[in-house]
Amino acid sequence: MLEIQNVSKTFNAGTVNEKTALNGLNLKLNEGDFVTVIGGNGAGKSTMLNAVAGVWPIDDGKILIDGIDAEEMMQTERDQVLQATKEDIRALAAHVRAVLQTGSFCVVGNEEKIEANRAMFGEVSSLTRG
């Protein structure tokens, strides 16, 4: 389980380049949840993931991984949780690619759309390999 509680992160605080990337972010994910994070440039997507990974320290709030404050976890513990997540993503991408390659899925449209989708998931699969 991942829980983000009222997390804030500001870069270059107190300077003319100050940028608030996260402001009171809350999110709760249970085991098995699948989430897609979408937003424009500078919306905070990468900052959120980097905060969970321990790359960026947060200014306020808490990040809990399996009920444990992430700041109290050793980096190796965080890395193990995140590695397991990467493996889940790789497995999902492989599954989606296999379904698309066998053609055992329903697509409303023509062959061009089917081929475009196959190419898209092949690209996603290659990105998740590392």
Protein backbone atom coordinates (compact mmCIF):
# COMPACT_ATOMS: atom_id res chain seq x y z
CA MET A 1 0.00 0.00 0.00
CA LEU A 2 1.14 3.53 -0.77
CA GLU A 3 -0.30 6.54 0.97
CA ILE A 4 0.71 10.12 0.27
CA GLN A 5 -0.58 12.48 2.93
CA ASN A 6 -0.66 16.24 2.37
CA VAL A 7 2.75 16.22 0.64
CA SER A 8 4.32 19.47 -0.53
CA LYS A 9 7.56 20.08 -2.39
CA THR A 10 8.98 23.42 -3.51
CA PHE A 11 12.17 23.80 -5.49
CA ASN A 12 14.44 26.84 -5.02
CA ALA A 13 12.31 28.14 -2.15
CA GLY A 14 12.80 31.82 -1.35
CA THR A 15 14.39 32.64 -4.70
CA VAL A 16 13.09 34.20 -7.91
CA ASN A 17 13.15 30.66 -9.36
CA GLU A 18 10.82 29.25 -6.68
CA LYS A 19 8.57 26.52 -8.10
CA THR A 20 5.94 24.67 -6.11
CA ALA A 21 5.76 21.21 -7.64
CA LEU A 22 3.47 19.53 -5.09
CA ASN A 23 1.04 21.34 -2.82
CA GLY A 24 -0.97 19.28 -0.34
CA LEU A 25 -0.98 16.13 -2.48
CA ASN A 26 -3.04 13.23 -1.15
CA LEU A 27 -3.22 9.76 -2.67
CA LYS A 28 -3.99 6.30 -1.32
CA LEU A 29 -3.29 3.15 -3.31
CA ASN A 30 -4.05 -0.34 -2.08
CA GLU A 31 -2.38 -3.51 -3.26
CA GLY A 32 -3.59 -4.34 -6.75
CA ASP A 33 -4.62 -0.79 -7.61
CA PHE A 34 -3.55 0.41 -11.06
CA VAL A 35 -3.12 4.13 -11.63
CA THR A 36 -2.11 6.26 -14.57
CA VAL A 37 -0.69 9.68 -13.73
CA ILE A 38 -1.38 12.25 -16.43
CA GLY A 39 -0.49 15.92 -16.53
CA GLY A 40 1.29 18.58 -18.51
CA ASN A 41 4.92 19.59 -18.19
CA GLY A 42 5.66 20.83 -14.69
CA ALA A 43 2.49 19.34 -13.18
CA GLY A 44 4.46 17.34 -10.58
CA LYS A 45 4.23 13.79 -11.95
CA SER A 46 7.96 13.08 -11.81
CA THR A 47 8.36 14.98 -8.55
CA MET A 48 5.71 12.78 -6.94
CA LEU A 49 7.40 9.58 -8.13
CA ASN A 50 10.85 10.85 -7.14
CA ALA A 51 9.53 11.76 -3.69
CA VAL A 52 8.14 8.24 -3.25
CA ALA A 53 11.48 6.82 -4.42
CA GLY A 54 13.42 9.01 -1.99
CA VAL A 55 15.18 11.01 -4.70
CA TRP A 56 13.68 14.33 -3.54
CA PRO A 57 13.01 14.99 0.14
CA ILE A 58 9.54 16.40 0.76
CA ASP A 59 8.96 19.71 2.54
CA ASP A 60 5.74 18.75 4.32
CA GLY A 61 3.47 15.74 4.75
CA LYS A 62 4.12 12.01 4.86
CA ILE A 63 4.66 9.16 2.47
CA LEU A 64 3.70 5.76 3.87
CA ILE A 65 4.72 2.49 2.24
CA ASP A 66 2.88 -0.47 3.73
CA GLY A 67 2.03 1.75 6.70
CA ILE A 68 5.66 2.72 7.39
CA ASP A 69 6.85 6.31 7.09
CA ALA A 70 9.10 6.24 4.01
CA GLU A 71 11.54 8.66 5.67
CA GLU A 72 12.20 6.00 8.31
CA MET A 73 12.88 3.29 5.73
CA MET A 74 16.35 2.50 4.50
CA GLN A 75 16.86 3.31 0.83
CA THR A 76 17.33 -0.39 0.07
CA GLU A 77 13.84 -1.08 1.49
CA ARG A 78 12.30 1.62 -0.73
CA ASP A 79 14.22 0.26 -3.70
CA GLN A 80 12.85 -3.26 -3.11
CA VAL A 81 9.27 -1.99 -3.10
CA LEU A 82 9.84 0.06 -6.24
CA GLN A 83 11.62 -2.81 -8.01
CA ALA A 84 8.62 -5.05 -7.37
CA THR A 85 6.43 -2.33 -8.90
CA LYS A 86 8.67 -2.16 -11.98
CA GLU A 87 8.36 -5.93 -12.38
CA ASP A 88 4.55 -5.64 -12.22
CA ILE A 89 4.66 -2.97 -14.96
CA ARG A 90 6.91 -5.15 -17.12
CA ALA A 91 4.55 -8.11 -16.67
CA LEU A 92 1.54 -5.95 -17.59
CA ALA A 93 3.25 -4.61 -20.70
CA ALA A 94 4.24 -8.14 -21.76
CA HIS A 95 0.66 -9.32 -21.23
CA VAL A 96 -0.84 -6.46 -23.23
CA ARG A 97 1.67 -7.03 -26.05
CA ALA A 98 0.87 -10.77 -26.12
CA VAL A 99 -2.86 -10.06 -26.31
CA LEU A 100 -2.31 -7.60 -29.15
CA GLN A 101 -0.03 -9.97 -31.05
CA THR A 102 -2.49 -12.84 -30.90
CA GLY A 103 -5.33 -10.61 -32.01
CA SER A 104 -7.58 -11.90 -29.23
CA PHE A 105 -8.98 -8.53 -28.34
CA CYS A 106 -11.82 -6.34 -29.52
CA VAL A 107 -11.02 -3.13 -31.36
CA VAL A 108 -13.71 -0.95 -32.84
CA GLY A 109 -12.21 0.37 -36.05
CA ASN A 110 -10.15 -0.73 -38.97
CA GLU A 111 -6.87 -2.57 -39.51
CA GLU A 112 -4.91 0.70 -39.42
CA LYS A 113 -6.09 1.31 -35.85
CA ILE A 114 -5.21 -2.25 -34.85
CA GLU A 115 -1.69 -1.89 -36.29
CA ALA A 116 -1.26 1.53 -34.61
CA ASN A 117 -2.20 -0.01 -31.26
CA ARG A 118 0.21 -2.90 -31.76
CA ALA A 119 3.02 -0.45 -32.47
CA MET A 120 2.11 1.67 -29.44
CA PHE A 121 2.20 -1.27 -27.01
CA GLY A 122 5.43 -2.57 -28.52
CA GLU A 123 6.92 0.85 -27.77
CA VAL A 124 5.58 0.82 -24.20
CA SER A 125 7.00 -2.67 -23.67
CA SER A 126 10.44 -1.61 -24.86
CA LEU A 127 10.41 1.42 -22.56
CA THR A 128 9.64 -0.72 -19.51
CA ARG A 129 12.64 -2.95 -20.10
CA GLY A 130 14.89 -0.55 -18.44
